[in-house]
Amino acid sequence: MTATPGSQRIIMAGDDTPASRAGLQHDDIVLTPEIWQEAHPEGALLRVKVLRNGVKMALWVLVGEICIG
């Protein structure tokens, strides 16, 4: 998942990633950005609040391992 600096607007949620499987989408605005400030163990379940098209919602994100590179 990639967010624009300072706004927490999601600009990309890669295919078959924890973010995409949780339902996070392009242009969602994360209302609980503090959740990303700490590392979480793989398997942790995080409640992430987002704003999508003017509607506030909560999504459950299962932390998983992602290999980059």
C-alpha atoms as a PDB file:
ATOM      1  CA  MET A   1       0.000   0.000   0.000  1.00  0.00           C
ATOM      2  CA  THR A   2       1.273   3.472  -0.827  1.00  0.00           C
ATOM      3  CA  ALA A   3      -0.202   6.705   0.548  1.00  0.00           C
ATOM      4  CA  THR A   4       0.450  10.271  -0.496  1.00  0.00           C
ATOM      5  CA  PRO A   5       2.729  12.002   2.040  1.00  0.00           C
ATOM      6  CA  GLY A   6       0.854  14.093   4.586  1.00  0.00           C
ATOM      7  CA  SER A   7      -2.685  13.208   3.526  1.00  0.00           C
ATOM      8  CA  GLN A   8      -2.875   9.431   4.057  1.00  0.00           C
ATOM      9  CA  ARG A   9      -4.766   9.109   0.763  1.00  0.00           C
ATOM     10  CA  ILE A  10      -4.140   5.659  -0.636  1.00  0.00           C
ATOM     11  CA  ILE A  11      -2.693   5.858  -4.115  1.00  0.00           C
ATOM     12  CA  MET A  12      -1.982   2.161  -4.582  1.00  0.00           C
ATOM     13  CA  ALA A  13      -3.009  -1.107  -2.972  1.00  0.00           C
ATOM     14  CA  GLY A  14      -1.130  -3.849  -4.804  1.00  0.00           C
ATOM     15  CA  ASP A  15      -2.902  -6.942  -6.072  1.00  0.00           C
ATOM     16  CA  ASP A  16      -3.143  -9.829  -3.615  1.00  0.00           C
ATOM     17  CA  THR A  17      -1.715  -7.867  -0.665  1.00  0.00           C
ATOM     18  CA  PRO A  18      -3.075  -7.567   2.877  1.00  0.00           C
ATOM     19  CA  ALA A  19      -4.331  -4.066   1.981  1.00  0.00           C
ATOM     20  CA  SER A  20      -6.232  -5.169  -1.122  1.00  0.00           C
ATOM     21  CA  ARG A  21      -7.620  -8.291   0.578  1.00  0.00           C
ATOM     22  CA  ALA A  22      -8.945  -6.049   3.379  1.00  0.00           C
ATOM     23  CA  GLY A  23     -10.758  -3.907   0.821  1.00  0.00           C
ATOM     24  CA  LEU A  24      -8.553  -0.800   0.884  1.00  0.00           C
ATOM     25  CA  GLN A  25      -8.882   1.035  -2.421  1.00  0.00           C
ATOM     26  CA  HIS A  26      -7.291   3.811  -4.442  1.00  0.00           C
ATOM     27  CA  ASP A  27      -8.354   7.242  -3.080  1.00  0.00           C
ATOM     28  CA  ASP A  28      -9.451   5.921   0.338  1.00  0.00           C
ATOM     29  CA  ILE A  29      -8.345   8.362   3.048  1.00  0.00           C
ATOM     30  CA  VAL A  30      -7.028   6.652   6.173  1.00  0.00           C
ATOM     31  CA  LEU A  31      -8.612   8.332   9.221  1.00  0.00           C
ATOM     32  CA  THR A  32      -6.472   6.367  11.704  1.00  0.00           C
ATOM     33  CA  PRO A  33      -2.943   6.913  10.308  1.00  0.00           C
ATOM     34  CA  GLU A  34      -1.405   6.385  13.742  1.00  0.00           C
ATOM     35  CA  ILE A  35      -2.003   2.673  13.244  1.00  0.00           C
ATOM     36  CA  TRP A  36       0.963   2.600  10.811  1.00  0.00           C
ATOM     37  CA  GLN A  37       3.380   4.255  13.281  1.00  0.00           C
ATOM     38  CA  GLU A  38       4.289   0.987  14.983  1.00  0.00           C
ATOM     39  CA  ALA A  39       5.298  -2.374  13.571  1.00  0.00           C
ATOM     40  CA  HIS A  40       2.710  -5.101  14.037  1.00  0.00           C
ATOM     41  CA  PRO A  41       3.421  -8.833  13.996  1.00  0.00           C
ATOM     42  CA  GLU A  42       2.303 -10.938  11.078  1.00  0.00           C
ATOM     43  CA  GLY A  43      -1.198 -12.226  11.809  1.00  0.00           C
ATOM     44  CA  ALA A  44      -2.286  -9.175  13.836  1.00  0.00           C
ATOM     45  CA  LEU A  45      -5.758  -7.877  13.010  1.00  0.00           C
ATOM     46  CA  LEU A  46      -5.962  -4.082  12.706  1.00  0.00           C
ATOM     47  CA  ARG A  47      -9.118  -1.979  12.525  1.00  0.00           C
ATOM     48  CA  VAL A  48      -8.480   0.793   9.997  1.00  0.00           C
ATOM     49  CA  LYS A  49     -10.989   3.617   9.580  1.00  0.00           C
ATOM     50  CA  VAL A  50     -11.213   5.155   6.122  1.00  0.00           C
ATOM     51  CA  LEU A  51     -13.199   7.774   4.270  1.00  0.00           C
ATOM     52  CA  ARG A  52     -14.396   6.589   0.851  1.00  0.00           C
ATOM     53  CA  ASN A  53     -16.542   8.791  -1.366  1.00  0.00           C
ATOM     54  CA  GLY A  54     -17.717  10.772   1.677  1.00  0.00           C
ATOM     55  CA  VAL A  55     -18.617   7.675   3.710  1.00  0.00           C
ATOM     56  CA  LYS A  56     -16.697   6.679   6.849  1.00  0.00           C
ATOM     57  CA  MET A  57     -16.100   2.952   7.255  1.00  0.00           C
ATOM     58  CA  ALA A  58     -13.949   0.557   9.210  1.00  0.00           C
ATOM     59  CA  LEU A  59     -12.015  -2.254   7.570  1.00  0.00           C
ATOM     60  CA  TRP A  60     -10.168  -5.120   9.217  1.00  0.00           C
ATOM     61  CA  VAL A  61      -6.626  -5.582   7.904  1.00  0.00           C
ATOM     62  CA  LEU A  62      -4.793  -8.827   8.607  1.00  0.00           C
ATOM     63  CA  VAL A  63      -1.079  -8.029   8.802  1.00  0.00           C
ATOM     64  CA  GLY A  64       0.916 -10.196   6.426  1.00  0.00           C
ATOM     65  CA  GLU A  65       4.416 -10.448   5.039  1.00  0.00           C
ATOM     66  CA  ILE A  66       5.153  -8.726   1.744  1.00  0.00           C
ATOM     67  CA  CYS A  67       8.348  -9.287  -0.216  1.00  0.00           C
ATOM     68  CA  ILE A  68       9.494  -6.229  -2.143  1.00  0.00           C
ATOM     69  CA  GLY A  69      12.177  -6.493  -4.771  1.00  0.00           C
END
